[in-house]
PDB file of N, CA and C in Angstrom:
ATOM      1  N   ARG A   1     -66.463   3.580  22.902  1.00  0.00           N
ATOM      2  CA  ARG A   1     -65.087   3.393  22.556  1.00  0.00           C
ATOM      3  C   ARG A   1     -64.511   2.281  23.408  1.00  0.00           C
ATOM      4  N   GLY A   2     -63.712   1.492  22.748  1.00  0.00           N
ATOM      5  CA  GLY A   2     -63.095   0.407  23.479  1.00  0.00           C
ATOM      6  C   GLY A   2     -61.717   0.813  23.976  1.00  0.00           C
ATOM      7  N   VAL A   3     -61.347   0.278  25.086  1.00  0.00           N
ATOM      8  CA  VAL A   3     -60.008   0.552  25.621  1.00  0.00           C
ATOM      9  C   VAL A   3     -59.021  -0.297  24.845  1.00  0.00           C
ATOM     10  N   ARG A   4     -58.037   0.373  24.386  1.00  0.00           N
ATOM     11  CA  ARG A   4     -57.055  -0.315  23.547  1.00  0.00           C
ATOM     12  C   ARG A   4     -56.043  -1.039  24.422  1.00  0.00           C
ATOM     13  N   GLN A   5     -55.839  -2.284  24.149  1.00  0.00           N
ATOM     14  CA  GLN A   5     -54.898  -3.106  24.905  1.00  0.00           C
ATOM     15  C   GLN A   5     -53.508  -2.941  24.282  1.00  0.00           C
ATOM     16  N   PRO A   6     -52.481  -2.754  25.107  1.00  0.00           N
ATOM     17  CA  PRO A   6     -51.132  -2.686  24.526  1.00  0.00           C
ATOM     18  C   PRO A   6     -50.753  -4.028  23.905  1.00  0.00           C
ATOM     19  N   GLU A   7     -50.112  -3.930  22.759  1.00  0.00           N
ATOM     20  CA  GLU A   7     -49.714  -5.153  22.070  1.00  0.00           C
ATOM     21  C   GLU A   7     -48.555  -5.796  22.800  1.00  0.00           C
ATOM     22  N   ARG A   8     -48.557  -7.084  22.764  1.00  0.00           N
ATOM     23  CA  ARG A   8     -47.474  -7.810  23.405  1.00  0.00           C
ATOM     24  C   ARG A   8     -46.244  -7.775  22.513  1.00  0.00           C
ATOM     25  N   ALA A   9     -45.125  -7.515  23.118  1.00  0.00           N
ATOM     26  CA  ALA A   9     -43.861  -7.507  22.373  1.00  0.00           C
ATOM     27  C   ALA A   9     -43.358  -8.935  22.267  1.00  0.00           C
ATOM     28  N   ALA A  10     -42.950  -9.276  21.098  1.00  0.00           N
ATOM     29  CA  ALA A  10     -42.408 -10.622  20.896  1.00  0.00           C
ATOM     30  C   ALA A  10     -40.984 -10.658  21.450  1.00  0.00           C
ATOM     31  N   VAL A  11     -40.716 -11.628  22.249  1.00  0.00           N
ATOM     32  CA  VAL A  11     -39.403 -11.776  22.844  1.00  0.00           C
ATOM     33  C   VAL A  11     -38.650 -12.823  22.042  1.00  0.00           C
ATOM     34  N   VAL A  12     -37.513 -12.423  21.528  1.00  0.00           N
ATOM     35  CA  VAL A  12     -36.698 -13.332  20.736  1.00  0.00           C
ATOM     36  C   VAL A  12     -35.454 -13.665  21.546  1.00  0.00           C
ATOM     37  N   THR A  13     -35.233 -14.911  21.736  1.00  0.00           N
ATOM     38  CA  THR A  13     -34.023 -15.322  22.436  1.00  0.00           C
ATOM     39  C   THR A  13     -33.147 -16.093  21.470  1.00  0.00           C
ATOM     40  N   LEU A  14     -31.889 -15.813  21.529  1.00  0.00           N
ATOM     41  CA  LEU A  14     -30.930 -16.509  20.685  1.00  0.00           C
ATOM     42  C   LEU A  14     -30.215 -17.532  21.549  1.00  0.00           C
ATOM     43  N   ALA A  15     -30.338 -18.745  21.182  1.00  0.00           N
ATOM     44  CA  ALA A  15     -29.669 -19.800  21.938  1.00  0.00           C
ATOM     45  C   ALA A  15     -28.267 -19.974  21.383  1.00  0.00           C
ATOM     46  N   MET A  16     -27.292 -19.991  22.265  1.00  0.00           N
ATOM     47  CA  MET A  16     -25.916 -20.229  21.854  1.00  0.00           C
ATOM     48  C   MET A  16     -25.644 -21.721  21.942  1.00  0.00           C
ATOM     49  N   ALA A  17     -25.270 -22.283  20.836  1.00  0.00           N
ATOM     50  CA  ALA A  17     -25.089 -23.730  20.773  1.00  0.00           C
ATOM     51  C   ALA A  17     -23.984 -24.204  21.717  1.00  0.00           C
ATOM     52  N   ASP A  18     -22.866 -23.503  21.709  1.00  0.00           N
ATOM     53  CA  ASP A  18     -21.721 -23.953  22.505  1.00  0.00           C
ATOM     54  C   ASP A  18     -21.391 -22.994  23.632  1.00  0.00           C
ATOM     55  N   GLY A  19     -22.264 -22.143  24.010  1.00  0.00           N
ATOM     56  CA  GLY A  19     -21.963 -21.170  25.049  1.00  0.00           C
ATOM     57  C   GLY A  19     -21.316 -19.936  24.442  1.00  0.00           C
ATOM     58  N   PRO A  20     -20.867 -19.030  25.272  1.00  0.00           N
ATOM     59  CA  PRO A  20     -20.272 -17.791  24.746  1.00  0.00           C
ATOM     60  C   PRO A  20     -18.927 -18.072  24.083  1.00  0.00           C
ATOM     61  N   PRO A  21     -18.536 -17.200  23.169  1.00  0.00           N
ATOM     62  CA  PRO A  21     -17.245 -17.396  22.498  1.00  0.00           C
ATOM     63  C   PRO A  21     -16.106 -17.200  23.489  1.00  0.00           C
ATOM     64  N   PRO A  22     -14.969 -17.801  23.211  1.00  0.00           N
ATOM     65  CA  PRO A  22     -13.837 -17.657  24.139  1.00  0.00           C
ATOM     66  C   PRO A  22     -13.334 -16.213  24.164  1.00  0.00           C
ATOM     67  N   LEU A  23     -12.869 -15.789  25.303  1.00  0.00           N
ATOM     68  CA  LEU A  23     -12.374 -14.424  25.453  1.00  0.00           C
ATOM     69  C   LEU A  23     -10.951 -14.260  24.951  1.00  0.00           C
ATOM     70  N   ASP A  24     -10.187 -15.337  24.898  1.00  0.00           N
ATOM     71  CA  ASP A  24      -8.806 -15.259  24.425  1.00  0.00           C
ATOM     72  C   ASP A  24      -8.800 -15.198  22.902  1.00  0.00           C
ATOM     73  N   PRO A  25      -8.186 -14.151  22.326  1.00  0.00           N
ATOM     74  CA  PRO A  25      -8.132 -14.082  20.860  1.00  0.00           C
ATOM     75  C   PRO A  25      -7.188 -15.158  20.324  1.00  0.00           C
ATOM     76  N   SER A  26      -7.440 -15.529  19.095  1.00  0.00           N
ATOM     77  CA  SER A  26      -6.562 -16.525  18.485  1.00  0.00           C
ATOM     78  C   SER A  26      -5.188 -15.895  18.276  1.00  0.00           C
ATOM     79  N   PRO A  27      -4.140 -16.661  18.466  1.00  0.00           N
ATOM     80  CA  PRO A  27      -2.797 -16.072  18.335  1.00  0.00           C
ATOM     81  C   PRO A  27      -2.503 -15.663  16.899  1.00  0.00           C
ATOM     82  N   LEU A  28      -1.816 -14.543  16.762  1.00  0.00           N
ATOM     83  CA  LEU A  28      -1.439 -14.051  15.444  1.00  0.00           C
ATOM     84  C   LEU A  28      -0.237 -14.828  14.942  1.00  0.00           C
ATOM     85  N   PRO A  29      -0.117 -14.960  13.630  1.00  0.00           N
ATOM     86  CA  PRO A  29       1.058 -15.670  13.109  1.00  0.00           C
ATOM     87  C   PRO A  29       2.319 -14.862  13.403  1.00  0.00           C
ATOM     88  N   THR A  30       3.394 -15.549  13.658  1.00  0.00           N
ATOM     89  CA  THR A  30       4.666 -14.877  13.924  1.00  0.00           C
ATOM     90  C   THR A  30       5.569 -15.015  12.709  1.00  0.00           C
ATOM     91  N   PHE A  31       6.321 -13.982  12.452  1.00  0.00           N
ATOM     92  CA  PHE A  31       7.236 -13.959  11.320  1.00  0.00           C
ATOM     93  C   PHE A  31       8.647 -13.779  11.844  1.00  0.00           C
ATOM     94  N   ALA A  32       9.592 -14.289  11.105  1.00  0.00           N
ATOM     95  CA  ALA A  32      10.990 -14.140  11.489  1.00  0.00           C
ATOM     96  C   ALA A  32      11.391 -12.669  11.365  1.00  0.00           C
ATOM     97  N   GLU A  33      12.200 -12.210  12.278  1.00  0.00           N
ATOM     98  CA  GLU A  33      12.690 -10.835  12.210  1.00  0.00           C
ATOM     99  C   GLU A  33      13.578 -10.689  10.985  1.00  0.00           C
ATOM    100  N   GLU A  34      13.367  -9.604  10.239  1.00  0.00           N
ATOM    101  CA  GLU A  34      14.218  -9.351   9.088  1.00  0.00           C
ATOM    102  C   GLU A  34      14.780  -7.946   9.200  1.00  0.00           C
ATOM    103  N   GLY A  35      16.022  -7.824   8.851  1.00  0.00           N
ATOM    104  CA  GLY A  35      16.679  -6.531   8.915  1.00  0.00           C
ATOM    105  C   GLY A  35      16.334  -5.676   7.710  1.00  0.00           C
ATOM    106  N   PHE A  36      16.937  -4.504   7.667  1.00  0.00           N
ATOM    107  CA  PHE A  36      16.665  -3.574   6.577  1.00  0.00           C
ATOM    108  C   PHE A  36      17.063  -4.175   5.231  1.00  0.00           C
ATOM    109  N   GLY A  37      18.242  -4.784   5.181  1.00  0.00           N
ATOM    110  CA  GLY A  37      18.740  -5.347   3.922  1.00  0.00           C
ATOM    111  C   GLY A  37      17.858  -6.459   3.394  1.00  0.00           C
ATOM    112  N   GLU A  38      17.450  -7.368   4.288  1.00  0.00           N
ATOM    113  CA  GLU A  38      16.589  -8.475   3.853  1.00  0.00           C
ATOM    114  C   GLU A  38      15.229  -7.971   3.380  1.00  0.00           C
ATOM    115  N   LYS A  39      14.682  -6.999   4.112  1.00  0.00           N
ATOM    116  CA  LYS A  39      13.381  -6.457   3.726  1.00  0.00           C
ATOM    117  C   LYS A  39      13.481  -5.718   2.388  1.00  0.00           C
ATOM    118  N   PHE A  40      14.561  -4.959   2.212  1.00  0.00           N
ATOM    119  CA  PHE A  40      14.753  -4.230   0.957  1.00  0.00           C
ATOM    120  C   PHE A  40      14.851  -5.198  -0.214  1.00  0.00           C
ATOM    121  N   MET A  41      15.618  -6.267  -0.042  1.00  0.00           N
ATOM    122  CA  MET A  41      15.774  -7.239  -1.124  1.00  0.00           C
ATOM    123  C   MET A  41      14.458  -7.971  -1.408  1.00  0.00           C
ATOM    124  N   ARG A  42      13.702  -8.299  -0.373  1.00  0.00           N
ATOM    125  CA  ARG A  42      12.413  -8.974  -0.571  1.00  0.00           C
ATOM    126  C   ARG A  42      11.446  -8.066  -1.323  1.00  0.00           C
ATOM    127  N   LYS A  43      11.377  -6.804  -0.917  1.00  0.00           N
ATOM    128  CA  LYS A  43      10.479  -5.859  -1.589  1.00  0.00           C
ATOM    129  C   LYS A  43      10.926  -5.601  -3.033  1.00  0.00           C
ATOM    130  N   THR A  44      12.239  -5.574  -3.258  1.00  0.00           N
ATOM    131  CA  THR A  44      12.758  -5.368  -4.608  1.00  0.00           C
ATOM    132  C   THR A  44      12.419  -6.552  -5.507  1.00  0.00           C
ATOM    133  N   ARG A  45      12.499  -7.771  -4.966  1.00  0.00           N
ATOM    134  CA  ARG A  45      12.123  -8.946  -5.752  1.00  0.00           C
ATOM    135  C   ARG A  45      10.626  -8.963  -6.037  1.00  0.00           C
ATOM    136  N   GLU A  46       9.813  -8.482  -5.089  1.00  0.00           N
ATOM    137  CA  GLU A  46       8.362  -8.457  -5.293  1.00  0.00           C
ATOM    138  C   GLU A  46       7.954  -7.454  -6.366  1.00  0.00           C
ATOM    139  N   ASN A  47       8.588  -6.290  -6.391  1.00  0.00           N
ATOM    140  CA  ASN A  47       8.234  -5.249  -7.358  1.00  0.00           C
ATOM    141  C   ASN A  47       9.506  -4.523  -7.791  1.00  0.00           C
ATOM    142  N   PRO A  48      10.224  -5.063  -8.772  1.00  0.00           N
ATOM    143  CA  PRO A  48      11.518  -4.481  -9.149  1.00  0.00           C
ATOM    144  C   PRO A  48      11.435  -3.146  -9.877  1.00  0.00           C
ATOM    145  N   LEU A  49      10.263  -2.757 -10.345  1.00  0.00           N
ATOM    146  CA  LEU A  49      10.153  -1.509 -11.102  1.00  0.00           C
ATOM    147  C   LEU A  49      10.204  -0.269 -10.210  1.00  0.00           C
ATOM    148  N   VAL A  50       9.824  -0.399  -8.945  1.00  0.00           N
ATOM    149  CA  VAL A  50       9.826   0.768  -8.055  1.00  0.00           C
ATOM    150  C   VAL A  50      11.250   1.259  -7.785  1.00  0.00           C
ATOM    151  N   PRO A  51      12.193   0.391  -7.378  1.00  0.00           N
ATOM    152  CA  PRO A  51      13.561   0.895  -7.188  1.00  0.00           C
ATOM    153  C   PRO A  51      14.182   1.420  -8.487  1.00  0.00           C
ATOM    154  N   LEU A  52      13.842   0.786  -9.610  1.00  0.00           N
ATOM    155  CA  LEU A  52      14.348   1.273 -10.896  1.00  0.00           C
ATOM    156  C   LEU A  52      13.827   2.681 -11.178  1.00  0.00           C
ATOM    157  N   GLY A  53      12.550   2.907 -10.915  1.00  0.00           N
ATOM    158  CA  GLY A  53      11.972   4.244 -11.105  1.00  0.00           C
ATOM    159  C   GLY A  53      12.587   5.271 -10.173  1.00  0.00           C
ATOM    160  N   CYS A  54      12.864   4.843  -8.927  1.00  0.00           N
ATOM    161  CA  CYS A  54      13.508   5.756  -7.967  1.00  0.00           C
ATOM    162  C   CYS A  54      14.907   6.137  -8.442  1.00  0.00           C
ATOM    163  N   LEU A  55      15.653   5.155  -8.939  1.00  0.00           N
ATOM    164  CA  LEU A  55      17.006   5.449  -9.447  1.00  0.00           C
ATOM    165  C   LEU A  55      16.948   6.390 -10.646  1.00  0.00           C
ATOM    166  N   CYS A  56      15.994   6.171 -11.536  1.00  0.00           N
ATOM    167  CA  CYS A  56      15.854   7.069 -12.694  1.00  0.00           C
ATOM    168  C   CYS A  56      15.477   8.482 -12.251  1.00  0.00           C
ATOM    169  N   THR A  57      14.611   8.589 -11.263  1.00  0.00           N
ATOM    170  CA  THR A  57      14.214   9.898 -10.751  1.00  0.00           C
ATOM    171  C   THR A  57      15.406  10.634 -10.161  1.00  0.00           C
ATOM    172  N   VAL A  58      16.167   9.945  -9.320  1.00  0.00           N
ATOM    173  CA  VAL A  58      17.337  10.571  -8.693  1.00  0.00           C
ATOM    174  C   VAL A  58      18.388  10.927  -9.742  1.00  0.00           C
ATOM    175  N   GLY A  59      18.576  10.047 -10.717  1.00  0.00           N
ATOM    176  CA  GLY A  59      19.546  10.338 -11.778  1.00  0.00           C
ATOM    177  C   GLY A  59      19.171  11.565 -12.589  1.00  0.00           C
ATOM    178  N   ALA A  60      17.896  11.660 -12.973  1.00  0.00           N
ATOM    179  CA  ALA A  60      17.441  12.822 -13.745  1.00  0.00           C
ATOM    180  C   ALA A  60      17.539  14.094 -12.915  1.00  0.00           C
ATOM    181  N   LEU A  61      17.202  14.000 -11.622  1.00  0.00           N
ATOM    182  CA  LEU A  61      17.299  15.171 -10.749  1.00  0.00           C
ATOM    183  C   LEU A  61      18.756  15.625 -10.603  1.00  0.00           C
ATOM    184  N   ALA A  62      19.640  14.675 -10.347  1.00  0.00           N
ATOM    185  CA  ALA A  62      21.057  15.023 -10.152  1.00  0.00           C
ATOM    186  C   ALA A  62      21.651  15.629 -11.422  1.00  0.00           C
ATOM    187  N   TYR A  63      21.372  15.003 -12.576  1.00  0.00           N
ATOM    188  CA  TYR A  63      21.927  15.526 -13.822  1.00  0.00           C
ATOM    189  C   TYR A  63      21.306  16.879 -14.175  1.00  0.00           C
ATOM    190  N   GLY A  64      20.019  17.059 -13.857  1.00  0.00           N
ATOM    191  CA  GLY A  64      19.374  18.351 -14.100  1.00  0.00           C
ATOM    192  C   GLY A  64      19.967  19.456 -13.240  1.00  0.00           C
ATOM    193  N   LEU A  65      20.225  19.150 -11.964  1.00  0.00           N
ATOM    194  CA  LEU A  65      20.862  20.141 -11.089  1.00  0.00           C
ATOM    195  C   LEU A  65      22.291  20.443 -11.525  1.00  0.00           C
ATOM    196  N   PHE A  66      23.003  19.410 -11.964  1.00  0.00           N
ATOM    197  CA  PHE A  66      24.367  19.596 -12.460  1.00  0.00           C
ATOM    198  C   PHE A  66      24.357  20.499 -13.701  1.00  0.00           C
ATOM    199  N   SER A  67      23.415  20.248 -14.608  1.00  0.00           N
ATOM    200  CA  SER A  67      23.321  21.066 -15.821  1.00  0.00           C
ATOM    201  C   SER A  67      22.937  22.504 -15.482  1.00  0.00           C
ATOM    202  N   PHE A  68      22.065  22.691 -14.508  1.00  0.00           N
ATOM    203  CA  PHE A  68      21.670  24.022 -14.081  1.00  0.00           C
ATOM    204  C   PHE A  68      22.866  24.770 -13.509  1.00  0.00           C
ATOM    205  N   ARG A  69      23.662  24.049 -12.721  1.00  0.00           N
ATOM    206  CA  ARG A  69      24.861  24.656 -12.108  1.00  0.00           C
ATOM    207  C   ARG A  69      25.876  25.069 -13.170  1.00  0.00           C
ATOM    208  N   LYS A  70      25.968  24.275 -14.230  1.00  0.00           N
ATOM    209  CA  LYS A  70      26.907  24.589 -15.315  1.00  0.00           C
ATOM    210  C   LYS A  70      26.383  25.683 -16.242  1.00  0.00           C
ATOM    211  N   GLY A  71      25.107  26.031 -16.120  1.00  0.00           N
ATOM    212  CA  GLY A  71      24.545  27.093 -16.952  1.00  0.00           C
ATOM    213  C   GLY A  71      23.832  26.581 -18.189  1.00  0.00           C
ATOM    214  N   ASN A  72      23.706  25.278 -18.329  1.00  0.00           N
ATOM    215  CA  ASN A  72      23.019  24.716 -19.490  1.00  0.00           C
ATOM    216  C   ASN A  72      21.531  24.591 -19.160  1.00  0.00           C
ATOM    217  N   THR A  73      20.799  25.691 -19.335  1.00  0.00           N
ATOM    218  CA  THR A  73      19.401  25.721 -18.912  1.00  0.00           C
ATOM    219  C   THR A  73      18.512  24.830 -19.776  1.00  0.00           C
ATOM    220  N   ARG A  74      18.835  24.710 -21.038  1.00  0.00           N
ATOM    221  CA  ARG A  74      18.031  23.837 -21.920  1.00  0.00           C
ATOM    222  C   ARG A  74      18.101  22.389 -21.457  1.00  0.00           C
ATOM    223  N   ARG A  75      19.295  21.916 -21.165  1.00  0.00           N
ATOM    224  CA  ARG A  75      19.469  20.545 -20.675  1.00  0.00           C
ATOM    225  C   ARG A  75      18.842  20.380 -19.290  1.00  0.00           C
ATOM    226  N   SER A  76      18.959  21.412 -18.462  1.00  0.00           N
ATOM    227  CA  SER A  76      18.385  21.362 -17.127  1.00  0.00           C
ATOM    228  C   SER A  76      16.864  21.219 -17.185  1.00  0.00           C
ATOM    229  N   GLN A  77      16.210  21.988 -18.069  1.00  0.00           N
ATOM    230  CA  GLN A  77      14.759  21.880 -18.229  1.00  0.00           C
ATOM    231  C   GLN A  77      14.355  20.498 -18.751  1.00  0.00           C
ATOM    232  N   LEU A  78      15.140  19.976 -19.675  1.00  0.00           N
ATOM    233  CA  LEU A  78      14.868  18.645 -20.213  1.00  0.00           C
ATOM    234  C   LEU A  78      14.963  17.584 -19.113  1.00  0.00           C
ATOM    235  N   MET A  79      15.952  17.704 -18.252  1.00  0.00           N
ATOM    236  CA  MET A  79      16.126  16.733 -17.165  1.00  0.00           C
ATOM    237  C   MET A  79      15.029  16.865 -16.105  1.00  0.00           C
ATOM    238  N   MET A  80      14.549  18.082 -15.873  1.00  0.00           N
ATOM    239  CA  MET A  80      13.457  18.238 -14.920  1.00  0.00           C
ATOM    240  C   MET A  80      12.171  17.612 -15.469  1.00  0.00           C
ATOM    241  N   ARG A  81      11.968  17.704 -16.761  1.00  0.00           N
ATOM    242  CA  ARG A  81      10.823  17.027 -17.375  1.00  0.00           C
ATOM    243  C   ARG A  81      10.999  15.510 -17.316  1.00  0.00           C
ATOM    244  N   ALA A  82      12.221  15.050 -17.540  1.00  0.00           N
ATOM    245  CA  ALA A  82      12.500  13.617 -17.435  1.00  0.00           C
ATOM    246  C   ALA A  82      12.274  13.133 -15.997  1.00  0.00           C
ATOM    247  N   ARG A  83      12.603  13.978 -15.030  1.00  0.00           N
ATOM    248  CA  ARG A  83      12.376  13.620 -13.623  1.00  0.00           C
ATOM    249  C   ARG A  83      10.888  13.443 -13.343  1.00  0.00           C
ATOM    250  N   VAL A  84      10.060  14.331 -13.888  1.00  0.00           N
ATOM    251  CA  VAL A  84       8.613  14.221 -13.687  1.00  0.00           C
ATOM    252  C   VAL A  84       8.087  12.930 -14.326  1.00  0.00           C
ATOM    253  N   VAL A  85       8.578  12.607 -15.497  1.00  0.00           N
ATOM    254  CA  VAL A  85       8.170  11.361 -16.157  1.00  0.00           C
ATOM    255  C   VAL A  85       8.612  10.156 -15.323  1.00  0.00           C
ATOM    256  N   ALA A  86       9.840  10.197 -14.803  1.00  0.00           N
ATOM    257  CA  ALA A  86      10.334   9.097 -13.978  1.00  0.00           C
ATOM    258  C   ALA A  86       9.528   8.972 -12.684  1.00  0.00           C
ATOM    259  N   GLN A  87       9.131  10.088 -12.103  1.00  0.00           N
ATOM    260  CA  GLN A  87       8.287  10.033 -10.906  1.00  0.00           C
ATOM    261  C   GLN A  87       6.927   9.424 -11.229  1.00  0.00           C
ATOM    262  N   GLY A  88       6.373   9.775 -12.365  1.00  0.00           N
ATOM    263  CA  GLY A  88       5.095   9.180 -12.790  1.00  0.00           C
ATOM    264  C   GLY A  88       5.219   7.684 -12.997  1.00  0.00           C
ATOM    265  N   PHE A  89       6.336   7.258 -13.611  1.00  0.00           N
ATOM    266  CA  PHE A  89       6.591   5.831 -13.799  1.00  0.00           C
ATOM    267  C   PHE A  89       6.701   5.115 -12.460  1.00  0.00           C
ATOM    268  N   THR A  90       7.414   5.726 -11.511  1.00  0.00           N
ATOM    269  CA  THR A  90       7.580   5.135 -10.188  1.00  0.00           C
ATOM    270  C   THR A  90       6.233   5.003  -9.490  1.00  0.00           C
ATOM    271  N   PHE A  91       5.413   6.031  -9.560  1.00  0.00           N
ATOM    272  CA  PHE A  91       4.099   5.984  -8.936  1.00  0.00           C
ATOM    273  C   PHE A  91       3.222   4.909  -9.574  1.00  0.00           C
ATOM    274  N   ALA A  92       3.259   4.812 -10.899  1.00  0.00           N
ATOM    275  CA  ALA A  92       2.469   3.788 -11.593  1.00  0.00           C
ATOM    276  C   ALA A  92       2.953   2.393 -11.214  1.00  0.00           C
ATOM    277  N   ALA A  93       4.271   2.213 -11.085  1.00  0.00           N
ATOM    278  CA  ALA A  93       4.815   0.915 -10.689  1.00  0.00           C
ATOM    279  C   ALA A  93       4.397   0.570  -9.263  1.00  0.00           C
ATOM    280  N   LEU A  94       4.406   1.559  -8.385  1.00  0.00           N
ATOM    281  CA  LEU A  94       3.980   1.343  -6.998  1.00  0.00           C
ATOM    282  C   LEU A  94       2.502   0.958  -6.949  1.00  0.00           C
ATOM    283  N   LEU A  95       1.678   1.671  -7.687  1.00  0.00           N
ATOM    284  CA  LEU A  95       0.249   1.382  -7.728  1.00  0.00           C
ATOM    285  C   LEU A  95      -0.009   0.009  -8.339  1.00  0.00           C
ATOM    286  N   GLY A  96       0.689  -0.307  -9.420  1.00  0.00           N
ATOM    287  CA  GLY A  96       0.533  -1.620 -10.049  1.00  0.00           C
ATOM    288  C   GLY A  96       0.944  -2.751  -9.120  1.00  0.00           C
ATOM    289  N   GLY A  97       2.020  -2.545  -8.361  1.00  0.00           N
ATOM    290  CA  GLY A  97       2.448  -3.555  -7.399  1.00  0.00           C
ATOM    291  C   GLY A  97       1.432  -3.765  -6.295  1.00  0.00           C
ATOM    292  N   MET A  98       0.814  -2.678  -5.850  1.00  0.00           N
ATOM    293  CA  MET A  98      -0.217  -2.793  -4.811  1.00  0.00           C
ATOM    294  C   MET A  98      -1.431  -3.552  -5.329  1.00  0.00           C
ATOM    295  N   VAL A  99      -1.839  -3.272  -6.557  1.00  0.00           N
ATOM    296  CA  VAL A  99      -2.984  -3.967  -7.153  1.00  0.00           C
ATOM    297  C   VAL A  99      -2.662  -5.449  -7.327  1.00  0.00           C
ATOM    298  N   ALA A 100      -1.443  -5.750  -7.815  1.00  0.00           N
ATOM    299  CA  ALA A 100      -1.064  -7.148  -8.000  1.00  0.00           C
ATOM    300  C   ALA A 100      -1.021  -7.894  -6.669  1.00  0.00           C
ATOM    301  N   THR A 101      -0.535  -7.248  -5.622  1.00  0.00           N
ATOM    302  CA  THR A 101      -0.503  -7.874  -4.308  1.00  0.00           C
ATOM    303  C   THR A 101      -1.899  -8.109  -3.775  1.00  0.00           C
ATOM    304  N   ALA A 102      -2.804  -7.153  -3.985  1.00  0.00           N
ATOM    305  CA  ALA A 102      -4.189  -7.311  -3.529  1.00  0.00           C
ATOM    306  C   ALA A 102      -4.883  -8.449  -4.270  1.00  0.00           C
ATOM    307  N   ILE A 103      -4.648  -8.554  -5.560  1.00  0.00           N
ATOM    308  CA  ILE A 103      -5.264  -9.639  -6.351  1.00  0.00           C
ATOM    309  C   ILE A 103      -4.691 -10.987  -5.904  1.00  0.00           C
ATOM    310  N   LYS A 104      -3.383 -11.030  -5.682  1.00  0.00           N
ATOM    311  CA  LYS A 104      -2.746 -12.282  -5.266  1.00  0.00           C
ATOM    312  C   LYS A 104      -3.233 -12.732  -3.888  1.00  0.00           C
ATOM    313  N   SER A 105      -3.482 -11.787  -2.981  1.00  0.00           N
ATOM    314  CA  SER A 105      -3.923 -12.155  -1.636  1.00  0.00           C
ATOM    315  C   SER A 105      -5.365 -12.657  -1.631  1.00  0.00           C
ATOM    316  N   ARG A 106      -6.164 -12.276  -2.606  1.00  0.00           N
ATOM    317  CA  ARG A 106      -7.559 -12.744  -2.670  1.00  0.00           C
ATOM    318  C   ARG A 106      -7.648 -14.175  -3.158  1.00  0.00           C
ATOM    319  N   GLN A 107      -6.651 -14.639  -3.873  1.00  0.00           N
ATOM    320  CA  GLN A 107      -6.705 -15.987  -4.453  1.00  0.00           C
ATOM    321  C   GLN A 107      -6.274 -17.034  -3.480  1.00  0.00           C
TER     322      GLN A 107
END
């Protein structure tokens, strides 16, 4: 039997062309401070269907509660169903806006 020689491990060295990367991160872009009103208006211009859906949801909820308080249960049930539809519309508008923003940022 022959004595088995251990195989030599190949040593791989990576040469850095310009030395190590700099330790200081690149500065992030700065944006102007915007208040609540400016941000709300910018977001509304970007996706106007979301605030519209929110207003419809609140309107249907308020009118449904008002009808319930007055004793008109048929109208109250109809408004609660309208509220669910308005919430679905708002969610779809929010999702659509997110998809459109993602597609726009890739281009």
